[in-house]
Amino acid sequence: MTLLALNKPFGTICQFSPHPTRPTLAECINLPDVYPAGRLDADSEGLLLLTDDGRLQARIAEPERKLPKTYWAQVEGAYDEAAVARLRGGLDLGDFVTLPCEAREIPEPGHLWARNPPIRYRASIPTHWLEIKLVEGKNRQVRRMTAAVGKPTLRLVRVAIGPVDVFSLNLAPGQWCELPQQILTLSGQRSRRSSR
């Protein structure tokens, strides 16, 4: 069984087959028969796990498995505790109601890599950062959640899945490493590193 951690760059599509206008995972990883366990939309960055084991894919991706995913979201507007409390409690997004989650304000992460291209800066509109931990992973869920409380997401980075943290792995955008399969239940060390 193979388990990989990739720091997916901004703009990269979560597929290996060619795309007419966007880079794909094939530009980061050149290994056969591995597939994403869950997805990140093209405009989101950060940790993506890939495996060649279907059972492990399900374990990582399915909300019933309660494997938390941690996101850092740079959102538009001033900090509003009432809006963050609404995120925590679960939101009706029309087609589904989100499960309760953890959400809190964090300082601007100084050790986060620069995004290419950078987000548009507007001096007249403040921004702040939130850390959101949830077990779901529906399409564009975090972006839809912050928009629903009046705080559109400008930048979204997934920093952890369960105990696997992109910073502890020291992965720059586009880099990947192989993980021991026990890491999702026990802490472990990566066994092999590569990059594109």
C-alpha atoms as a PDB file:
ATOM      1  CA  MET A   1       0.000   0.000   0.000  1.00  0.00           C
ATOM      2  CA  THR A   2       1.215   3.502  -0.849  1.00  0.00           C
ATOM      3  CA  LEU A   3       0.256   6.649   1.049  1.00  0.00           C
ATOM      4  CA  LEU A   4       1.540  10.017  -0.159  1.00  0.00           C
ATOM      5  CA  ALA A   5       1.258  13.553   1.153  1.00  0.00           C
ATOM      6  CA  LEU A   6       1.342  16.370  -1.412  1.00  0.00           C
ATOM      7  CA  ASN A   7       1.326  20.117  -0.890  1.00  0.00           C
ATOM      8  CA  LYS A   8      -1.043  20.909  -3.771  1.00  0.00           C
ATOM      9  CA  PRO A   9      -0.221  24.236  -5.395  1.00  0.00           C
ATOM     10  CA  PHE A  10      -2.819  26.915  -6.055  1.00  0.00           C
ATOM     11  CA  GLY A  11      -4.431  26.453  -9.470  1.00  0.00           C
ATOM     12  CA  THR A  12      -3.717  22.722  -9.754  1.00  0.00           C
ATOM     13  CA  ILE A  13      -6.654  20.457 -10.622  1.00  0.00           C
ATOM     14  CA  CYS A  14      -7.110  17.310  -8.462  1.00  0.00           C
ATOM     15  CA  GLN A  15      -6.856  14.869 -11.360  1.00  0.00           C
ATOM     16  CA  PHE A  16      -4.082  13.131 -13.262  1.00  0.00           C
ATOM     17  CA  SER A  17      -5.673  13.244 -16.711  1.00  0.00           C
ATOM     18  CA  PRO A  18      -4.727  16.282 -18.828  1.00  0.00           C
ATOM     19  CA  HIS A  19      -6.732  19.486 -18.475  1.00  0.00           C
ATOM     20  CA  PRO A  20      -6.939  22.038 -21.310  1.00  0.00           C
ATOM     21  CA  THR A  21      -6.063  25.096 -19.211  1.00  0.00           C
ATOM     22  CA  ARG A  22      -4.846  24.056 -15.756  1.00  0.00           C
ATOM     23  CA  PRO A  23      -1.921  22.078 -14.335  1.00  0.00           C
ATOM     24  CA  THR A  24      -2.833  18.686 -12.865  1.00  0.00           C
ATOM     25  CA  LEU A  25      -1.465  16.358 -10.203  1.00  0.00           C
ATOM     26  CA  ALA A  26       0.585  14.633 -12.897  1.00  0.00           C
ATOM     27  CA  GLU A  27       2.876  17.675 -12.881  1.00  0.00           C
ATOM     28  CA  CYS A  28       3.668  17.038  -9.206  1.00  0.00           C
ATOM     29  CA  ILE A  29       3.599  13.226  -8.909  1.00  0.00           C
ATOM     30  CA  ASN A  30       4.847  10.681 -11.425  1.00  0.00           C
ATOM     31  CA  LEU A  31       3.773   7.442  -9.755  1.00  0.00           C
ATOM     32  CA  PRO A  32       1.236   4.978 -11.176  1.00  0.00           C
ATOM     33  CA  ASP A  33      -2.049   3.955  -9.571  1.00  0.00           C
ATOM     34  CA  VAL A  34      -2.337   6.558  -6.801  1.00  0.00           C
ATOM     35  CA  TYR A  35      -5.480   8.650  -6.461  1.00  0.00           C
ATOM     36  CA  PRO A  36      -6.557  11.519  -4.192  1.00  0.00           C
ATOM     37  CA  ALA A  37      -8.315  10.598  -0.967  1.00  0.00           C
ATOM     38  CA  GLY A  38     -10.705  13.519  -1.050  1.00  0.00           C
ATOM     39  CA  ARG A  39     -10.171  16.644  -3.121  1.00  0.00           C
ATOM     40  CA  LEU A  40      -9.162  20.264  -2.988  1.00  0.00           C
ATOM     41  CA  ASP A  41     -10.644  22.626  -5.536  1.00  0.00           C
ATOM     42  CA  ALA A  42      -8.241  24.284  -7.951  1.00  0.00           C
ATOM     43  CA  ASP A  43      -8.293  27.588  -6.051  1.00  0.00           C
ATOM     44  CA  SER A  44      -7.389  25.923  -2.740  1.00  0.00           C
ATOM     45  CA  GLU A  45      -3.907  24.938  -1.649  1.00  0.00           C
ATOM     46  CA  GLY A  46      -2.234  22.638   0.794  1.00  0.00           C
ATOM     47  CA  LEU A  47      -2.292  19.084   2.042  1.00  0.00           C
ATOM     48  CA  LEU A  48      -3.681  16.349  -0.172  1.00  0.00           C
ATOM     49  CA  LEU A  49      -3.323  12.654   0.636  1.00  0.00           C
ATOM     50  CA  LEU A  50      -3.126  10.113  -2.170  1.00  0.00           C
ATOM     51  CA  THR A  51      -3.162   6.333  -2.016  1.00  0.00           C
ATOM     52  CA  ASP A  52      -3.490   3.211  -4.128  1.00  0.00           C
ATOM     53  CA  ASP A  53      -5.715   1.572  -1.471  1.00  0.00           C
ATOM     54  CA  GLY A  54      -9.485   2.035  -1.894  1.00  0.00           C
ATOM     55  CA  ARG A  55     -10.294   1.263   1.744  1.00  0.00           C
ATOM     56  CA  LEU A  56      -7.820   3.850   2.950  1.00  0.00           C
ATOM     57  CA  GLN A  57      -9.220   6.373   0.453  1.00  0.00           C
ATOM     58  CA  ALA A  58     -12.660   5.882   1.999  1.00  0.00           C
ATOM     59  CA  ARG A  59     -11.303   6.122   5.536  1.00  0.00           C
ATOM     60  CA  ILE A  60      -9.676   9.473   4.817  1.00  0.00           C
ATOM     61  CA  ALA A  61     -12.512  11.003   2.780  1.00  0.00           C
ATOM     62  CA  GLU A  62     -15.725   9.837   4.485  1.00  0.00           C
ATOM     63  CA  PRO A  63     -17.221  12.109   7.198  1.00  0.00           C
ATOM     64  CA  GLU A  64     -18.329   9.030   9.179  1.00  0.00           C
ATOM     65  CA  ARG A  65     -14.663   8.244   9.830  1.00  0.00           C
ATOM     66  CA  LYS A  66     -14.328  11.508  11.800  1.00  0.00           C
ATOM     67  CA  LEU A  67     -10.860  12.288  10.441  1.00  0.00           C
ATOM     68  CA  PRO A  68     -10.616  16.066  10.966  1.00  0.00           C
ATOM     69  CA  LYS A  69      -9.364  18.349   8.223  1.00  0.00           C
ATOM     70  CA  THR A  70      -7.810  21.654   9.304  1.00  0.00           C
ATOM     71  CA  TYR A  71      -8.031  24.710   7.046  1.00  0.00           C
ATOM     72  CA  TRP A  72      -6.649  28.218   7.279  1.00  0.00           C
ATOM     73  CA  ALA A  73      -8.913  30.710   5.547  1.00  0.00           C
ATOM     74  CA  GLN A  74      -8.085  34.317   4.846  1.00  0.00           C
ATOM     75  CA  VAL A  75     -11.463  35.997   4.795  1.00  0.00           C
ATOM     76  CA  GLU A  76     -12.711  39.425   3.816  1.00  0.00           C
ATOM     77  CA  GLY A  77     -13.969  41.867   6.418  1.00  0.00           C
ATOM     78  CA  ALA A  78     -13.269  42.621  10.072  1.00  0.00           C
ATOM     79  CA  TYR A  79     -13.338  39.848  12.665  1.00  0.00           C
ATOM     80  CA  ASP A  80     -16.859  39.093  13.904  1.00  0.00           C
ATOM     81  CA  GLU A  81     -17.258  36.628  16.785  1.00  0.00           C
ATOM     82  CA  ALA A  82     -20.967  36.158  16.014  1.00  0.00           C
ATOM     83  CA  ALA A  83     -20.106  35.043  12.477  1.00  0.00           C
ATOM     84  CA  VAL A  84     -17.496  32.588  13.786  1.00  0.00           C
ATOM     85  CA  ALA A  85     -20.013  31.221  16.307  1.00  0.00           C
ATOM     86  CA  ARG A  86     -22.407  30.576  13.416  1.00  0.00           C
ATOM     87  CA  LEU A  87     -19.659  28.624  11.624  1.00  0.00           C
ATOM     88  CA  ARG A  88     -19.164  26.461  14.731  1.00  0.00           C
ATOM     89  CA  GLY A  89     -22.833  25.636  15.114  1.00  0.00           C
ATOM     90  CA  GLY A  90     -23.541  24.266  11.655  1.00  0.00           C
ATOM     91  CA  LEU A  91     -25.015  26.144   8.707  1.00  0.00           C
ATOM     92  CA  ASP A  92     -27.857  25.531   6.304  1.00  0.00           C
ATOM     93  CA  LEU A  93     -26.233  25.932   2.887  1.00  0.00           C
ATOM     94  CA  GLY A  94     -29.422  25.101   0.981  1.00  0.00           C
ATOM     95  CA  ASP A  95     -28.499  21.664  -0.337  1.00  0.00           C
ATOM     96  CA  PHE A  96     -27.189  20.423   3.035  1.00  0.00           C
ATOM     97  CA  VAL A  97     -26.629  21.493   6.639  1.00  0.00           C
ATOM     98  CA  THR A  98     -23.017  21.436   7.796  1.00  0.00           C
ATOM     99  CA  LEU A  99     -22.011  19.514  10.884  1.00  0.00           C
ATOM    100  CA  PRO A 100     -20.795  21.516  13.882  1.00  0.00           C
ATOM    101  CA  CYS A 101     -17.090  22.287  13.573  1.00  0.00           C
ATOM    102  CA  GLU A 102     -14.254  24.082  15.322  1.00  0.00           C
ATOM    103  CA  ALA A 103     -13.550  27.651  14.194  1.00  0.00           C
ATOM    104  CA  ARG A 104     -11.376  30.368  15.685  1.00  0.00           C
ATOM    105  CA  GLU A 105      -9.471  33.458  14.671  1.00  0.00           C
ATOM    106  CA  ILE A 106      -5.708  33.011  14.239  1.00  0.00           C
ATOM    107  CA  PRO A 107      -2.907  35.521  13.646  1.00  0.00           C
ATOM    108  CA  GLU A 108      -1.796  35.947  10.050  1.00  0.00           C
ATOM    109  CA  PRO A 109       0.477  32.909   9.498  1.00  0.00           C
ATOM    110  CA  GLY A 110       3.937  34.323   8.894  1.00  0.00           C
ATOM    111  CA  HIS A 111       5.433  30.946   7.955  1.00  0.00           C
ATOM    112  CA  LEU A 112       2.907  30.279   5.184  1.00  0.00           C
ATOM    113  CA  TRP A 113       4.378  30.129   1.676  1.00  0.00           C
ATOM    114  CA  ALA A 114       3.559  32.939  -0.734  1.00  0.00           C
ATOM    115  CA  ARG A 115       0.707  32.271  -3.111  1.00  0.00           C
ATOM    116  CA  ASN A 116       1.314  32.576  -6.833  1.00  0.00           C
ATOM    117  CA  PRO A 117      -0.440  34.707  -7.929  1.00  0.00           C
ATOM    118  CA  PRO A 118      -1.023  36.627  -4.691  1.00  0.00           C
ATOM    119  CA  ILE A 119      -4.535  37.558  -3.670  1.00  0.00           C
ATOM    120  CA  ARG A 120      -5.704  41.004  -4.708  1.00  0.00           C
ATOM    121  CA  TYR A 121      -4.888  43.527  -1.994  1.00  0.00           C
ATOM    122  CA  ARG A 122      -7.415  46.266  -1.244  1.00  0.00           C
ATOM    123  CA  ALA A 123      -6.360  48.763   1.417  1.00  0.00           C
ATOM    124  CA  SER A 124      -9.945  49.787   2.142  1.00  0.00           C
ATOM    125  CA  ILE A 125     -11.140  46.257   2.989  1.00  0.00           C
ATOM    126  CA  PRO A 126      -9.670  44.496   6.036  1.00  0.00           C
ATOM    127  CA  THR A 127      -9.006  40.769   6.114  1.00  0.00           C
ATOM    128  CA  HIS A 128      -8.324  38.267   8.872  1.00  0.00           C
ATOM    129  CA  TRP A 129      -7.511  34.569   9.206  1.00  0.00           C
ATOM    130  CA  LEU A 130      -9.633  31.745  10.595  1.00  0.00           C
ATOM    131  CA  GLU A 131      -8.717  28.182  11.457  1.00  0.00           C
ATOM    132  CA  ILE A 132     -11.577  25.808  10.680  1.00  0.00           C
ATOM    133  CA  LYS A 133     -11.558  22.088  11.580  1.00  0.00           C
ATOM    134  CA  LEU A 134     -14.259  19.855  10.159  1.00  0.00           C
ATOM    135  CA  VAL A 135     -14.824  16.205   9.327  1.00  0.00           C
ATOM    136  CA  GLU A 136     -16.825  16.860   6.174  1.00  0.00           C
ATOM    137  CA  GLY A 137     -15.376  17.749   2.824  1.00  0.00           C
ATOM    138  CA  LYS A 138     -18.178  18.612   0.453  1.00  0.00           C
ATOM    139  CA  ASN A 139     -17.491  20.610  -2.699  1.00  0.00           C
ATOM    140  CA  ARG A 140     -16.205  24.116  -1.807  1.00  0.00           C
ATOM    141  CA  GLN A 141     -17.644  23.682   1.679  1.00  0.00           C
ATOM    142  CA  VAL A 142     -15.366  26.039   3.632  1.00  0.00           C
ATOM    143  CA  ARG A 143     -15.771  28.777   1.013  1.00  0.00           C
ATOM    144  CA  ARG A 144     -19.540  28.364   1.085  1.00  0.00           C
ATOM    145  CA  MET A 145     -19.578  28.425   4.891  1.00  0.00           C
ATOM    146  CA  THR A 146     -17.598  31.652   5.211  1.00  0.00           C
ATOM    147  CA  ALA A 147     -19.663  33.289   2.457  1.00  0.00           C
ATOM    148  CA  ALA A 148     -22.851  32.277   4.284  1.00  0.00           C
ATOM    149  CA  VAL A 149     -21.764  34.283   7.348  1.00  0.00           C
ATOM    150  CA  GLY A 150     -20.754  37.293   5.250  1.00  0.00           C
ATOM    151  CA  LYS A 151     -16.993  36.631   5.202  1.00  0.00           C
ATOM    152  CA  PRO A 152     -15.949  35.563   1.683  1.00  0.00           C
ATOM    153  CA  THR A 153     -12.782  33.459   1.536  1.00  0.00           C
ATOM    154  CA  LEU A 154      -9.886  35.044  -0.331  1.00  0.00           C
ATOM    155  CA  ARG A 155      -7.313  32.308   0.274  1.00  0.00           C
ATOM    156  CA  LEU A 156      -7.848  28.747   1.525  1.00  0.00           C
ATOM    157  CA  VAL A 157      -5.100  26.406   2.681  1.00  0.00           C
ATOM    158  CA  ARG A 158      -5.622  22.887   4.062  1.00  0.00           C
ATOM    159  CA  VAL A 159      -2.844  22.471   6.599  1.00  0.00           C
ATOM    160  CA  ALA A 160      -3.682  19.093   8.173  1.00  0.00           C
ATOM    161  CA  ILE A 161      -5.640  15.879   7.761  1.00  0.00           C
ATOM    162  CA  GLY A 162      -5.868  14.042  11.078  1.00  0.00           C
ATOM    163  CA  PRO A 163      -2.314  13.889  12.487  1.00  0.00           C
ATOM    164  CA  VAL A 164      -0.647  14.660   9.136  1.00  0.00           C
ATOM    165  CA  ASP A 165       0.465  18.306   9.020  1.00  0.00           C
ATOM    166  CA  VAL A 166       1.955  19.929   5.913  1.00  0.00           C
ATOM    167  CA  PHE A 167       4.345  22.047   7.992  1.00  0.00           C
ATOM    168  CA  SER A 168       5.759  19.161  10.032  1.00  0.00           C
ATOM    169  CA  LEU A 169       6.425  17.407   6.705  1.00  0.00           C
ATOM    170  CA  ASN A 170       8.193  20.560   5.470  1.00  0.00           C
ATOM    171  CA  LEU A 171       6.571  20.355   2.037  1.00  0.00           C
ATOM    172  CA  ALA A 172       6.776  23.338  -0.291  1.00  0.00           C
ATOM    173  CA  PRO A 173       4.028  23.714  -2.912  1.00  0.00           C
ATOM    174  CA  GLY A 174       4.371  20.908  -5.464  1.00  0.00           C
ATOM    175  CA  GLN A 175       6.456  18.674  -3.178  1.00  0.00           C
ATOM    176  CA  TRP A 176       5.358  15.288  -1.881  1.00  0.00           C
ATOM    177  CA  CYS A 177       6.595  12.562   0.420  1.00  0.00           C
ATOM    178  CA  GLU A 178       5.645   8.981   1.185  1.00  0.00           C
ATOM    179  CA  LEU A 179       4.065   8.283   4.569  1.00  0.00           C
ATOM    180  CA  PRO A 180       3.890   5.109   6.656  1.00  0.00           C
ATOM    181  CA  GLN A 181       0.382   3.658   6.495  1.00  0.00           C
ATOM    182  CA  GLN A 182       0.147   3.670  10.310  1.00  0.00           C
ATOM    183  CA  ILE A 183       0.396   7.463  10.457  1.00  0.00           C
ATOM    184  CA  LEU A 184      -3.367   7.928  10.456  1.00  0.00           C
ATOM    185  CA  THR A 185      -3.665   6.024  13.721  1.00  0.00           C
ATOM    186  CA  LEU A 186      -0.192   6.471  15.204  1.00  0.00           C
ATOM    187  CA  SER A 187       2.373   9.190  14.896  1.00  0.00           C
ATOM    188  CA  GLY A 188       5.092   8.176  12.468  1.00  0.00           C
ATOM    189  CA  GLN A 189       7.905   9.500  10.379  1.00  0.00           C
ATOM    190  CA  ARG A 190       7.858   9.919   6.627  1.00  0.00           C
ATOM    191  CA  SER A 191       9.893   7.275   4.852  1.00  0.00           C
ATOM    192  CA  ARG A 192      10.736   8.883   1.536  1.00  0.00           C
ATOM    193  CA  ARG A 193      10.796  12.378   0.070  1.00  0.00           C
ATOM    194  CA  SER A 194      10.628  13.582  -3.468  1.00  0.00           C
ATOM    195  CA  SER A 195       9.613  16.663  -5.383  1.00  0.00           C
ATOM    196  CA  ARG A 196       8.554  17.532  -8.846  1.00  0.00           C
END
